Amino acid sequence: MNKKASLAVVGATGVVGESVLDALADSTLEFDEVFAVASAESFGETLHFQGRDLSVRTLDDFDFSQVDISIFAVPDIVADRFIPRAVAKGNKIVRVSQLSNGDSMMPGCEWPEDAQEVRFVTPAFAILKPLLQVFEEEHGIAAVDATLLQPAAARGRAGVEELAQQTIGLFNNQDIEIAAFPVRAAFNAIPQVGLFNDEGDTQLEAGLLADIQQHSDGSEMALSATAVQVPVFYGTAIKLVIDLCYPVDANTKLTDLIDAHASLKRIDEAKAGGYMTPIDVIGKSSIYVSRLKQVSATRFTCWLTADSIALTAKSVVNLLDSIKD
């Protein structure tokens, strides 16, 4: 950023909002003023930011004319209601969403010239894209089958708290509440993340497939995705199967291509702990590749892990840093 601006983080008390504030605090960016904005339930809370306290403002009453940039890390139904208010006051908008609208932006890109609102791709695709890039550039991609293992944190603080409460309740033989998830999440795996569409895909699956298609080289690909809610609090994992258009010759080492990519780190040894798990990636902003296997000359499988929340927060900071005015 070439000049200091005032900033609002909407959803500041949520899992993503807090991570964005932490990333901003650790960055070299400077702001005239930073506002922490959240729902009325968080009114009166205090957040720490760069050695000072931020009193949480309520979203319903917040005056967006006080800021130049607003980051919306809230559910889409809330963002859809309040973003027009911020736009009307001349704010630049960064929208962080679990869902794609078919015109989303990749992390690492600069702020588009003359754009007022930027929306990131699904966090799941941000994890997939670097590896897909490696294969697509060298051998073309004919098909992608992704199984996404989604943590409770993807449902925000409500998801984290509900998983914790259910776990404690089941251990103590107590009744449990189900609100953030469609069925019990503790000690369970749920093959549904979001509502189903007419084609039988959930919202997250449809958004992920749309992002893969949008950001491909335009070639036809057979795409499949299954999103599963798993009983872990943080850290995303993806089992990926890729079919290539052209076989890999004996002289090509895909491990070298992966190792050369700045966003990817390969932790892949055939021993206990020679791979990354969701717990291992918490707070890290890299994407880890493990269990890479060549099934045939044109088929590969692997295990990807990343902290999608930390990745998103880092991407927001980098995007703000690219604003030219």
C-alpha atoms as a PDB file:
ATOM      1  CA  MET A   1       0.000   0.000   0.000  1.00  0.00           C
ATOM      2  CA  ASN A   2       1.318   3.439  -0.950  1.00  0.00           C
ATOM      3  CA  LYS A   3      -0.557   5.343   1.730  1.00  0.00           C
ATOM      4  CA  LYS A   4      -2.056   4.658   5.105  1.00  0.00           C
ATOM      5  CA  ALA A   5      -5.720   3.723   5.051  1.00  0.00           C
ATOM      6  CA  SER A   6      -8.382   2.966   7.615  1.00  0.00           C
ATOM      7  CA  LEU A   7      -9.542  -0.626   7.781  1.00  0.00           C
ATOM      8  CA  ALA A   8     -12.518  -2.587   9.120  1.00  0.00           C
ATOM      9  CA  VAL A   9     -12.381  -6.330   9.738  1.00  0.00           C
ATOM     10  CA  VAL A  10     -15.981  -7.527   9.716  1.00  0.00           C
ATOM     11  CA  GLY A  11     -16.321 -10.800  11.578  1.00  0.00           C
ATOM     12  CA  ALA A  12     -13.320  -9.903  13.728  1.00  0.00           C
ATOM     13  CA  THR A  13     -14.267 -12.245  16.579  1.00  0.00           C
ATOM     14  CA  GLY A  14     -14.677 -15.242  14.281  1.00  0.00           C
ATOM     15  CA  VAL A  15     -12.005 -17.813  13.494  1.00  0.00           C
ATOM     16  CA  VAL A  16     -11.048 -16.270  10.142  1.00  0.00           C
ATOM     17  CA  GLY A  17     -11.404 -12.669  11.312  1.00  0.00           C
ATOM     18  CA  GLU A  18      -9.090 -13.219  14.268  1.00  0.00           C
ATOM     19  CA  SER A  19      -6.539 -14.906  12.016  1.00  0.00           C
ATOM     20  CA  VAL A  20      -6.682 -11.956   9.591  1.00  0.00           C
ATOM     21  CA  LEU A  21      -6.091  -9.510  12.450  1.00  0.00           C
ATOM     22  CA  ASP A  22      -3.148 -11.593  13.677  1.00  0.00           C
ATOM     23  CA  ALA A  23      -1.633 -11.666  10.172  1.00  0.00           C
ATOM     24  CA  LEU A  24      -2.097  -7.908   9.792  1.00  0.00           C
ATOM     25  CA  ALA A  25      -0.490  -7.332  13.178  1.00  0.00           C
ATOM     26  CA  ASP A  26       2.548  -9.384  12.141  1.00  0.00           C
ATOM     27  CA  SER A  27       2.864  -7.610   8.783  1.00  0.00           C
ATOM     28  CA  THR A  28       4.646  -4.380   7.893  1.00  0.00           C
ATOM     29  CA  LEU A  29       1.407  -2.733   6.742  1.00  0.00           C
ATOM     30  CA  GLU A  30       0.404   0.449   8.551  1.00  0.00           C
ATOM     31  CA  PHE A  31      -3.124   1.816   8.930  1.00  0.00           C
ATOM     32  CA  ASP A  32      -4.519   5.100  10.201  1.00  0.00           C
ATOM     33  CA  GLU A  33      -7.116   3.178  12.149  1.00  0.00           C
ATOM     34  CA  VAL A  34      -8.319  -0.428  12.445  1.00  0.00           C
ATOM     35  CA  PHE A  35     -11.864  -1.299  13.487  1.00  0.00           C
ATOM     36  CA  ALA A  36     -12.949  -4.699  14.773  1.00  0.00           C
ATOM     37  CA  VAL A  37     -16.563  -5.240  13.717  1.00  0.00           C
ATOM     38  CA  ALA A  38     -18.806  -8.178  14.621  1.00  0.00           C
ATOM     39  CA  SER A  39     -22.360  -9.128  15.504  1.00  0.00           C
ATOM     40  CA  ALA A  40     -24.166  -7.744  18.538  1.00  0.00           C
ATOM     41  CA  GLU A  41     -23.284 -10.927  20.442  1.00  0.00           C
ATOM     42  CA  SER A  42     -19.654  -9.785  20.518  1.00  0.00           C
ATOM     43  CA  PHE A  43     -20.374  -6.230  21.642  1.00  0.00           C
ATOM     44  CA  GLY A  44     -18.139  -5.230  24.531  1.00  0.00           C
ATOM     45  CA  GLU A  45     -15.362  -7.665  23.711  1.00  0.00           C
ATOM     46  CA  THR A  46     -11.818  -6.403  23.362  1.00  0.00           C
ATOM     47  CA  LEU A  47      -9.232  -7.679  20.882  1.00  0.00           C
ATOM     48  CA  HIS A  48      -5.497  -7.032  21.025  1.00  0.00           C
ATOM     49  CA  PHE A  49      -3.850  -5.595  17.917  1.00  0.00           C
ATOM     50  CA  GLN A  50      -0.269  -4.320  17.615  1.00  0.00           C
ATOM     51  CA  GLY A  51       0.031  -3.498  21.307  1.00  0.00           C
ATOM     52  CA  ARG A  52      -3.328  -1.815  21.689  1.00  0.00           C
ATOM     53  CA  ASP A  53      -6.884  -2.860  22.447  1.00  0.00           C
ATOM     54  CA  LEU A  54      -9.663  -2.761  19.875  1.00  0.00           C
ATOM     55  CA  SER A  55     -13.205  -2.476  21.186  1.00  0.00           C
ATOM     56  CA  VAL A  56     -15.543  -4.563  19.070  1.00  0.00           C
ATOM     57  CA  ARG A  57     -18.100  -2.475  17.167  1.00  0.00           C
ATOM     58  CA  THR A  58     -21.492  -3.892  16.193  1.00  0.00           C
ATOM     59  CA  LEU A  59     -22.053  -4.461  12.501  1.00  0.00           C
ATOM     60  CA  ASP A  60     -25.643  -3.212  12.495  1.00  0.00           C
ATOM     61  CA  ASP A  61     -24.546   0.232  13.707  1.00  0.00           C
ATOM     62  CA  PHE A  62     -21.136   0.544  12.076  1.00  0.00           C
ATOM     63  CA  ASP A  63     -20.522   3.610   9.908  1.00  0.00           C
ATOM     64  CA  PHE A  64     -18.482   2.442   6.908  1.00  0.00           C
ATOM     65  CA  SER A  65     -17.664   6.042   5.974  1.00  0.00           C
ATOM     66  CA  GLN A  66     -14.951   5.841   8.660  1.00  0.00           C
ATOM     67  CA  VAL A  67     -12.874   3.365   6.638  1.00  0.00           C
ATOM     68  CA  ASP A  68     -11.342   2.936   3.197  1.00  0.00           C
ATOM     69  CA  ILE A  69     -11.150  -0.873   3.131  1.00  0.00           C
ATOM     70  CA  SER A  70     -13.469  -3.496   4.607  1.00  0.00           C
ATOM     71  CA  ILE A  71     -12.599  -7.162   4.950  1.00  0.00           C
ATOM     72  CA  PHE A  72     -15.698  -9.346   5.230  1.00  0.00           C
ATOM     73  CA  ALA A  73     -14.973 -12.662   6.952  1.00  0.00           C
ATOM     74  CA  VAL A  74     -18.587 -13.563   7.639  1.00  0.00           C
ATOM     75  CA  PRO A  75     -21.196 -15.967   6.215  1.00  0.00           C
ATOM     76  CA  ASP A  76     -22.407 -15.065   2.734  1.00  0.00           C
ATOM     77  CA  ILE A  77     -25.898 -14.191   3.942  1.00  0.00           C
ATOM     78  CA  VAL A  78     -24.377 -11.500   6.178  1.00  0.00           C
ATOM     79  CA  ALA A  79     -21.908 -10.295   3.547  1.00  0.00           C
ATOM     80  CA  ASP A  80     -24.676  -9.959   0.954  1.00  0.00           C
ATOM     81  CA  ARG A  81     -26.585  -7.682   3.299  1.00  0.00           C
ATOM     82  CA  PHE A  82     -23.794  -5.375   4.446  1.00  0.00           C
ATOM     83  CA  ILE A  83     -21.331  -5.172   1.544  1.00  0.00           C
ATOM     84  CA  PRO A  84     -23.633  -2.822  -0.431  1.00  0.00           C
ATOM     85  CA  ARG A  85     -23.540  -0.433   2.542  1.00  0.00           C
ATOM     86  CA  ALA A  86     -19.757  -0.431   2.548  1.00  0.00           C
ATOM     87  CA  VAL A  87     -19.583  -0.034  -1.233  1.00  0.00           C
ATOM     88  CA  ALA A  88     -21.967   2.932  -1.034  1.00  0.00           C
ATOM     89  CA  LYS A  89     -19.456   4.613   1.293  1.00  0.00           C
ATOM     90  CA  GLY A  90     -16.634   4.071  -1.200  1.00  0.00           C
ATOM     91  CA  ASN A  91     -14.944   1.145   0.544  1.00  0.00           C
ATOM     92  CA  LYS A  92     -12.716  -1.346  -1.227  1.00  0.00           C
ATOM     93  CA  ILE A  93     -14.026  -4.804  -0.311  1.00  0.00           C
ATOM     94  CA  VAL A  94     -12.172  -8.045   0.390  1.00  0.00           C
ATOM     95  CA  ARG A  95     -14.649 -10.888   0.656  1.00  0.00           C
ATOM     96  CA  VAL A  96     -13.558 -14.156   2.256  1.00  0.00           C
ATOM     97  CA  SER A  97     -16.042 -16.943   1.558  1.00  0.00           C
ATOM     98  CA  GLN A  98     -16.254 -20.731   1.635  1.00  0.00           C
ATOM     99  CA  LEU A  99     -18.177 -20.555  -1.634  1.00  0.00           C
ATOM    100  CA  SER A 100     -17.206 -19.476  -5.145  1.00  0.00           C
ATOM    101  CA  ASN A 101     -19.216 -17.217  -7.435  1.00  0.00           C
ATOM    102  CA  GLY A 102     -17.436 -18.288 -10.635  1.00  0.00           C
ATOM    103  CA  ASP A 103     -15.415 -15.077 -10.765  1.00  0.00           C
ATOM    104  CA  SER A 104     -13.100 -15.516  -7.819  1.00  0.00           C
ATOM    105  CA  MET A 105      -9.485 -14.543  -7.447  1.00  0.00           C
ATOM    106  CA  MET A 106      -6.483 -16.714  -6.692  1.00  0.00           C
ATOM    107  CA  PRO A 107      -4.365 -15.997  -3.611  1.00  0.00           C
ATOM    108  CA  GLY A 108      -1.085 -14.336  -4.540  1.00  0.00           C
ATOM    109  CA  CYS A 109      -2.643 -12.080  -7.168  1.00  0.00           C
ATOM    110  CA  GLU A 110      -2.438  -8.309  -6.974  1.00  0.00           C
ATOM    111  CA  TRP A 111      -5.423  -6.039  -6.519  1.00  0.00           C
ATOM    112  CA  PRO A 112      -7.051  -5.641  -9.973  1.00  0.00           C
ATOM    113  CA  GLU A 113      -6.875  -2.120 -11.325  1.00  0.00           C
ATOM    114  CA  ASP A 114     -10.114  -0.155 -10.790  1.00  0.00           C
ATOM    115  CA  ALA A 115     -11.714  -3.056  -8.870  1.00  0.00           C
ATOM    116  CA  GLN A 116     -13.813  -2.199  -5.824  1.00  0.00           C
ATOM    117  CA  GLU A 117     -14.513  -5.746  -4.603  1.00  0.00           C
ATOM    118  CA  VAL A 118     -12.322  -8.841  -4.594  1.00  0.00           C
ATOM    119  CA  ARG A 119     -13.531 -12.305  -3.675  1.00  0.00           C
ATOM    120  CA  PHE A 120     -11.139 -15.182  -3.108  1.00  0.00           C
ATOM    121  CA  VAL A 121     -11.535 -18.661  -4.521  1.00  0.00           C
ATOM    122  CA  THR A 122     -12.693 -21.400  -2.167  1.00  0.00           C
ATOM    123  CA  PRO A 123     -10.014 -22.197   0.423  1.00  0.00           C
ATOM    124  CA  ALA A 124     -10.019 -25.796  -0.817  1.00  0.00           C
ATOM    125  CA  PHE A 125      -9.057 -24.707  -4.324  1.00  0.00           C
ATOM    126  CA  ALA A 126      -6.314 -22.460  -2.968  1.00  0.00           C
ATOM    127  CA  ILE A 127      -4.794 -25.663  -1.554  1.00  0.00           C
ATOM    128  CA  LEU A 128      -5.243 -27.627  -4.784  1.00  0.00           C
ATOM    129  CA  LYS A 129      -4.159 -25.043  -7.333  1.00  0.00           C
ATOM    130  CA  PRO A 130      -0.345 -25.089  -6.917  1.00  0.00           C
ATOM    131  CA  LEU A 131      -0.167 -28.857  -7.413  1.00  0.00           C
ATOM    132  CA  LEU A 132      -2.634 -28.798 -10.296  1.00  0.00           C
ATOM    133  CA  GLN A 133      -0.417 -26.139 -11.872  1.00  0.00           C
ATOM    134  CA  VAL A 134       2.608 -28.439 -11.693  1.00  0.00           C
ATOM    135  CA  PHE A 135       0.796 -31.250 -13.505  1.00  0.00           C
ATOM    136  CA  GLU A 136      -1.155 -29.058 -15.932  1.00  0.00           C
ATOM    137  CA  GLU A 137       1.880 -27.198 -17.276  1.00  0.00           C
ATOM    138  CA  GLU A 138       3.930 -30.324 -17.891  1.00  0.00           C
ATOM    139  CA  HIS A 139       1.446 -33.031 -18.868  1.00  0.00           C
ATOM    140  CA  GLY A 140      -2.087 -31.634 -19.091  1.00  0.00           C
ATOM    141  CA  ILE A 141      -4.915 -32.788 -16.838  1.00  0.00           C
ATOM    142  CA  ALA A 142      -7.694 -35.082 -18.053  1.00  0.00           C
ATOM    143  CA  ALA A 143      -9.471 -35.672 -14.740  1.00  0.00           C
ATOM    144  CA  VAL A 144      -9.434 -34.581 -11.095  1.00  0.00           C
ATOM    145  CA  ASP A 145     -11.075 -36.408  -8.202  1.00  0.00           C
ATOM    146  CA  ALA A 146     -10.744 -34.642  -4.856  1.00  0.00           C
ATOM    147  CA  THR A 147     -11.928 -35.814  -1.450  1.00  0.00           C
ATOM    148  CA  LEU A 148     -11.869 -32.856   0.926  1.00  0.00           C
ATOM    149  CA  LEU A 149     -11.696 -33.467   4.687  1.00  0.00           C
ATOM    150  CA  GLN A 150     -13.092 -30.320   6.273  1.00  0.00           C
ATOM    151  CA  PRO A 151     -12.299 -29.225   9.865  1.00  0.00           C
ATOM    152  CA  ALA A 152     -14.824 -27.785  12.293  1.00  0.00           C
ATOM    153  CA  ALA A 153     -13.146 -24.371  11.994  1.00  0.00           C
ATOM    154  CA  ALA A 154     -14.490 -24.093   8.448  1.00  0.00           C
ATOM    155  CA  ARG A 155     -17.874 -23.568  10.100  1.00  0.00           C
ATOM    156  CA  GLY A 156     -16.414 -20.729  12.135  1.00  0.00           C
ATOM    157  CA  ARG A 157     -16.303 -20.423  15.889  1.00  0.00           C
ATOM    158  CA  ALA A 158     -19.738 -22.008  16.120  1.00  0.00           C
ATOM    159  CA  GLY A 159     -18.381 -25.164  14.489  1.00  0.00           C
ATOM    160  CA  VAL A 160     -15.351 -25.359  16.791  1.00  0.00           C
ATOM    161  CA  GLU A 161     -17.463 -24.824  19.905  1.00  0.00           C
ATOM    162  CA  GLU A 162     -20.118 -27.328  18.835  1.00  0.00           C
ATOM    163  CA  LEU A 163     -17.566 -30.065  18.133  1.00  0.00           C
ATOM    164  CA  ALA A 164     -15.965 -29.438  21.550  1.00  0.00           C
ATOM    165  CA  GLN A 165     -19.308 -29.456  23.353  1.00  0.00           C
ATOM    166  CA  GLN A 166     -20.457 -32.621  21.584  1.00  0.00           C
ATOM    167  CA  THR A 167     -17.195 -34.391  22.410  1.00  0.00           C
ATOM    168  CA  ILE A 168     -17.433 -33.481  26.095  1.00  0.00           C
ATOM    169  CA  GLY A 169     -21.134 -34.355  26.181  1.00  0.00           C
ATOM    170  CA  LEU A 170     -20.644 -37.799  24.683  1.00  0.00           C
ATOM    171  CA  PHE A 171     -17.818 -38.606  27.119  1.00  0.00           C
ATOM    172  CA  ASN A 172     -20.100 -37.610  30.010  1.00  0.00           C
ATOM    173  CA  ASN A 173     -23.219 -39.365  28.679  1.00  0.00           C
ATOM    174  CA  GLN A 174     -25.037 -36.044  28.234  1.00  0.00           C
ATOM    175  CA  ASP A 175     -27.486 -34.870  25.578  1.00  0.00           C
ATOM    176  CA  ILE A 176     -25.824 -32.983  22.727  1.00  0.00           C
ATOM    177  CA  GLU A 177     -26.999 -30.097  20.571  1.00  0.00           C
ATOM    178  CA  ILE A 178     -26.820 -30.092  16.763  1.00  0.00           C
ATOM    179  CA  ALA A 179     -26.862 -26.673  15.090  1.00  0.00           C
ATOM    180  CA  ALA A 180     -23.704 -25.913  13.084  1.00  0.00           C
ATOM    181  CA  PHE A 181     -23.643 -29.337  11.397  1.00  0.00           C
ATOM    182  CA  PRO A 182     -26.432 -31.346   9.726  1.00  0.00           C
ATOM    183  CA  VAL A 183     -25.913 -34.320  12.064  1.00  0.00           C
ATOM    184  CA  ARG A 184     -23.636 -35.142  15.013  1.00  0.00           C
ATOM    185  CA  ALA A 185     -20.044 -34.159  14.209  1.00  0.00           C
ATOM    186  CA  ALA A 186     -18.153 -35.633  17.172  1.00  0.00           C
ATOM    187  CA  PHE A 187     -16.664 -39.085  16.472  1.00  0.00           C
ATOM    188  CA  ASN A 188     -18.312 -39.013  13.046  1.00  0.00           C
ATOM    189  CA  ALA A 189     -17.659 -38.270   9.376  1.00  0.00           C
ATOM    190  CA  ILE A 190     -20.369 -36.366   7.487  1.00  0.00           C
ATOM    191  CA  PRO A 191     -20.427 -36.513   3.656  1.00  0.00           C
ATOM    192  CA  GLN A 192     -22.195 -33.156   3.467  1.00  0.00           C
ATOM    193  CA  VAL A 193     -20.679 -29.667   3.757  1.00  0.00           C
ATOM    194  CA  GLY A 194     -23.317 -27.081   2.902  1.00  0.00           C
ATOM    195  CA  LEU A 195     -26.671 -27.498   1.206  1.00  0.00           C
ATOM    196  CA  PHE A 196     -27.216 -29.791  -1.775  1.00  0.00           C
ATOM    197  CA  ASN A 197     -27.926 -28.400  -5.254  1.00  0.00           C
ATOM    198  CA  ASP A 198     -30.119 -29.945  -7.955  1.00  0.00           C
ATOM    199  CA  GLU A 199     -27.167 -31.934  -9.341  1.00  0.00           C
ATOM    200  CA  GLY A 200     -26.511 -33.604  -5.989  1.00  0.00           C
ATOM    201  CA  ASP A 201     -23.361 -31.632  -5.177  1.00  0.00           C
ATOM    202  CA  THR A 202     -23.075 -29.642  -1.972  1.00  0.00           C
ATOM    203  CA  GLN A 203     -22.356 -25.917  -2.136  1.00  0.00           C
ATOM    204  CA  LEU A 204     -18.706 -26.439  -1.256  1.00  0.00           C
ATOM    205  CA  GLU A 205     -18.256 -29.189  -3.850  1.00  0.00           C
ATOM    206  CA  ALA A 206     -19.908 -27.117  -6.568  1.00  0.00           C
ATOM    207  CA  GLY A 207     -17.781 -24.081  -5.704  1.00  0.00           C
ATOM    208  CA  LEU A 208     -14.587 -26.124  -5.753  1.00  0.00           C
ATOM    209  CA  LEU A 209     -15.415 -27.628  -9.150  1.00  0.00           C
ATOM    210  CA  ALA A 210     -16.300 -24.190 -10.538  1.00  0.00           C
ATOM    211  CA  ASP A 211     -12.956 -22.824  -9.378  1.00  0.00           C
ATOM    212  CA  ILE A 212     -11.018 -25.723 -10.910  1.00  0.00           C
ATOM    213  CA  GLN A 213     -12.745 -25.167 -14.249  1.00  0.00           C
ATOM    214  CA  GLN A 214     -12.441 -21.361 -14.128  1.00  0.00           C
ATOM    215  CA  HIS A 215      -8.723 -21.374 -13.399  1.00  0.00           C
ATOM    216  CA  SER A 216      -7.758 -24.209 -15.766  1.00  0.00           C
ATOM    217  CA  ASP A 217      -6.208 -23.649 -19.198  1.00  0.00           C
ATOM    218  CA  GLY A 218      -9.639 -24.059 -20.774  1.00  0.00           C
ATOM    219  CA  SER A 219      -9.305 -27.738 -21.643  1.00  0.00           C
ATOM    220  CA  GLU A 220     -12.084 -30.216 -20.913  1.00  0.00           C
ATOM    221  CA  MET A 221     -11.604 -32.116 -17.657  1.00  0.00           C
ATOM    222  CA  ALA A 222     -13.645 -34.754 -15.863  1.00  0.00           C
ATOM    223  CA  LEU A 223     -14.139 -33.305 -12.376  1.00  0.00           C
ATOM    224  CA  SER A 224     -15.404 -34.850  -9.178  1.00  0.00           C
ATOM    225  CA  ALA A 225     -15.320 -33.630  -5.582  1.00  0.00           C
ATOM    226  CA  THR A 226     -16.617 -34.973  -2.290  1.00  0.00           C
ATOM    227  CA  ALA A 227     -16.468 -32.816   0.832  1.00  0.00           C
ATOM    228  CA  VAL A 228     -16.547 -34.592   4.182  1.00  0.00           C
ATOM    229  CA  GLN A 229     -16.895 -32.953   7.589  1.00  0.00           C
ATOM    230  CA  VAL A 230     -14.460 -34.687   9.934  1.00  0.00           C
ATOM    231  CA  PRO A 231     -14.059 -34.364  13.729  1.00  0.00           C
ATOM    232  CA  VAL A 232     -10.883 -32.285  13.804  1.00  0.00           C
ATOM    233  CA  PHE A 233     -10.840 -28.649  14.890  1.00  0.00           C
ATOM    234  CA  TYR A 234      -8.301 -27.079  12.488  1.00  0.00           C
ATOM    235  CA  GLY A 235      -6.334 -28.094   9.401  1.00  0.00           C
ATOM    236  CA  THR A 236      -7.666 -29.229   6.026  1.00  0.00           C
ATOM    237  CA  ALA A 237      -6.690 -32.440   4.222  1.00  0.00           C
ATOM    238  CA  ILE A 238      -7.386 -33.471   0.629  1.00  0.00           C
ATOM    239  CA  LYS A 239      -6.973 -36.882  -0.995  1.00  0.00           C
ATOM    240  CA  LEU A 240      -6.300 -36.089  -4.653  1.00  0.00           C
ATOM    241  CA  VAL A 241      -6.380 -38.308  -7.738  1.00  0.00           C
ATOM    242  CA  ILE A 242      -5.121 -36.789 -11.011  1.00  0.00           C
ATOM    243  CA  ASP A 243      -5.323 -38.329 -14.475  1.00  0.00           C
ATOM    244  CA  LEU A 244      -2.930 -36.758 -16.959  1.00  0.00           C
ATOM    245  CA  CYS A 245      -3.438 -36.193 -20.671  1.00  0.00           C
ATOM    246  CA  TYR A 246       0.105 -37.274 -21.510  1.00  0.00           C
ATOM    247  CA  PRO A 247       2.144 -39.955 -19.750  1.00  0.00           C
ATOM    248  CA  VAL A 248       5.126 -39.111 -17.615  1.00  0.00           C
ATOM    249  CA  ASP A 249       8.336 -40.365 -19.171  1.00  0.00           C
ATOM    250  CA  ALA A 250      10.982 -42.222 -17.220  1.00  0.00           C
ATOM    251  CA  ASN A 251      13.315 -39.214 -17.139  1.00  0.00           C
ATOM    252  CA  THR A 252      10.801 -36.865 -15.471  1.00  0.00           C
ATOM    253  CA  LYS A 253      10.882 -36.533 -11.706  1.00  0.00           C
ATOM    254  CA  LEU A 254       7.645 -35.058 -10.494  1.00  0.00           C
ATOM    255  CA  THR A 255       9.151 -34.664  -7.060  1.00  0.00           C
ATOM    256  CA  ASP A 256      11.622 -32.155  -8.530  1.00  0.00           C
ATOM    257  CA  LEU A 257       8.767 -30.165 -10.070  1.00  0.00           C
ATOM    258  CA  ILE A 258       6.897 -30.119  -6.766  1.00  0.00           C
ATOM    259  CA  ASP A 259      10.005 -29.154  -4.808  1.00  0.00           C
ATOM    260  CA  ALA A 260      10.589 -26.223  -7.179  1.00  0.00           C
ATOM    261  CA  HIS A 261       7.172 -24.691  -6.476  1.00  0.00           C
ATOM    262  CA  ALA A 262       7.365 -21.933  -3.865  1.00  0.00           C
ATOM    263  CA  SER A 263       3.981 -22.735  -2.276  1.00  0.00           C
ATOM    264  CA  LEU A 264       4.516 -26.484  -1.931  1.00  0.00           C
ATOM    265  CA  LYS A 265       6.516 -28.417   0.620  1.00  0.00           C
ATOM    266  CA  ARG A 266       6.972 -32.163   0.216  1.00  0.00           C
ATOM    267  CA  ILE A 267       7.060 -34.231   3.394  1.00  0.00           C
ATOM    268  CA  ASP A 268       6.908 -37.772   2.098  1.00  0.00           C
ATOM    269  CA  GLU A 269       8.716 -40.642   3.775  1.00  0.00           C
ATOM    270  CA  ALA A 270       7.452 -44.206   4.146  1.00  0.00           C
ATOM    271  CA  LYS A 271       7.633 -44.258   7.933  1.00  0.00           C
ATOM    272  CA  ALA A 272       5.554 -43.267  10.944  1.00  0.00           C
ATOM    273  CA  GLY A 273       5.281 -39.493  10.935  1.00  0.00           C
ATOM    274  CA  GLY A 274       6.860 -39.177   7.502  1.00  0.00           C
ATOM    275  CA  TYR A 275       3.832 -37.220   6.310  1.00  0.00           C
ATOM    276  CA  MET A 276       1.774 -34.220   7.408  1.00  0.00           C
ATOM    277  CA  THR A 277      -1.562 -34.343   9.204  1.00  0.00           C
ATOM    278  CA  PRO A 278      -4.110 -31.581   9.924  1.00  0.00           C
ATOM    279  CA  ILE A 279      -2.637 -31.089  13.400  1.00  0.00           C
ATOM    280  CA  ASP A 280       0.855 -30.589  11.957  1.00  0.00           C
ATOM    281  CA  VAL A 281      -0.138 -27.683   9.702  1.00  0.00           C
ATOM    282  CA  ILE A 282      -1.989 -25.482  12.204  1.00  0.00           C
ATOM    283  CA  GLY A 283      -0.695 -21.911  11.962  1.00  0.00           C
ATOM    284  CA  LYS A 284       1.473 -22.636   8.921  1.00  0.00           C
ATOM    285  CA  SER A 285       0.950 -20.901   5.573  1.00  0.00           C
ATOM    286  CA  SER A 286       2.454 -23.565   3.298  1.00  0.00           C
ATOM    287  CA  ILE A 287       0.781 -26.433   1.448  1.00  0.00           C
ATOM    288  CA  TYR A 288       2.203 -29.860   2.194  1.00  0.00           C
ATOM    289  CA  VAL A 289       2.364 -32.821  -0.194  1.00  0.00           C
ATOM    290  CA  SER A 290       2.604 -36.338   1.227  1.00  0.00           C
ATOM    291  CA  ARG A 291       1.956 -39.907   0.099  1.00  0.00           C
ATOM    292  CA  LEU A 292       2.687 -39.104  -3.555  1.00  0.00           C
ATOM    293  CA  LYS A 293       2.160 -42.278  -5.579  1.00  0.00           C
ATOM    294  CA  GLN A 294       2.287 -43.053  -9.294  1.00  0.00           C
ATOM    295  CA  VAL A 295      -0.494 -45.521 -10.065  1.00  0.00           C
ATOM    296  CA  SER A 296       0.184 -45.633 -13.804  1.00  0.00           C
ATOM    297  CA  ALA A 297       1.945 -43.562 -16.462  1.00  0.00           C
ATOM    298  CA  THR A 298      -0.971 -41.127 -16.398  1.00  0.00           C
ATOM    299  CA  ARG A 299      -2.421 -41.429 -12.881  1.00  0.00           C
ATOM    300  CA  PHE A 300      -1.074 -40.018  -9.623  1.00  0.00           C
ATOM    301  CA  THR A 301      -2.465 -39.806  -6.129  1.00  0.00           C
ATOM    302  CA  CYS A 302      -1.360 -37.745  -3.140  1.00  0.00           C
ATOM    303  CA  TRP A 303      -2.347 -36.368   0.239  1.00  0.00           C
ATOM    304  CA  LEU A 304      -2.432 -32.584   0.708  1.00  0.00           C
ATOM    305  CA  THR A 305      -2.624 -30.772   4.027  1.00  0.00           C
ATOM    306  CA  ALA A 306      -2.823 -27.074   4.850  1.00  0.00           C
ATOM    307  CA  ASP A 307      -4.251 -24.630   7.349  1.00  0.00           C
ATOM    308  CA  SER A 308      -6.727 -22.942   5.032  1.00  0.00           C
ATOM    309  CA  ILE A 309      -7.421 -20.223   7.600  1.00  0.00           C
ATOM    310  CA  ALA A 310      -3.749 -19.262   7.889  1.00  0.00           C
ATOM    311  CA  LEU A 311      -3.430 -19.385   4.085  1.00  0.00           C
ATOM    312  CA  THR A 312      -6.430 -17.084   3.703  1.00  0.00           C
ATOM    313  CA  ALA A 313      -5.136 -14.595   6.257  1.00  0.00           C
ATOM    314  CA  LYS A 314      -1.729 -14.439   4.576  1.00  0.00           C
ATOM    315  CA  SER A 315      -3.414 -13.950   1.184  1.00  0.00           C
ATOM    316  CA  VAL A 316      -5.478 -11.049   2.531  1.00  0.00           C
ATOM    317  CA  VAL A 317      -2.337  -9.297   3.804  1.00  0.00           C
ATOM    318  CA  ASN A 318      -0.527  -9.803   0.485  1.00  0.00           C
ATOM    319  CA  LEU A 319      -3.536  -8.495  -1.420  1.00  0.00           C
ATOM    320  CA  LEU A 320      -3.759  -5.345   0.703  1.00  0.00           C
ATOM    321  CA  ASP A 321      -0.049  -4.774   0.239  1.00  0.00           C
ATOM    322  CA  SER A 322      -0.587  -4.738  -3.543  1.00  0.00           C
ATOM    323  CA  ILE A 323      -3.088  -1.853  -3.496  1.00  0.00           C
ATOM    324  CA  LYS A 324      -1.476   1.037  -5.352  1.00  0.00           C
ATOM    325  CA  ASP A 325      -3.408   3.981  -3.947  1.00  0.00           C
END
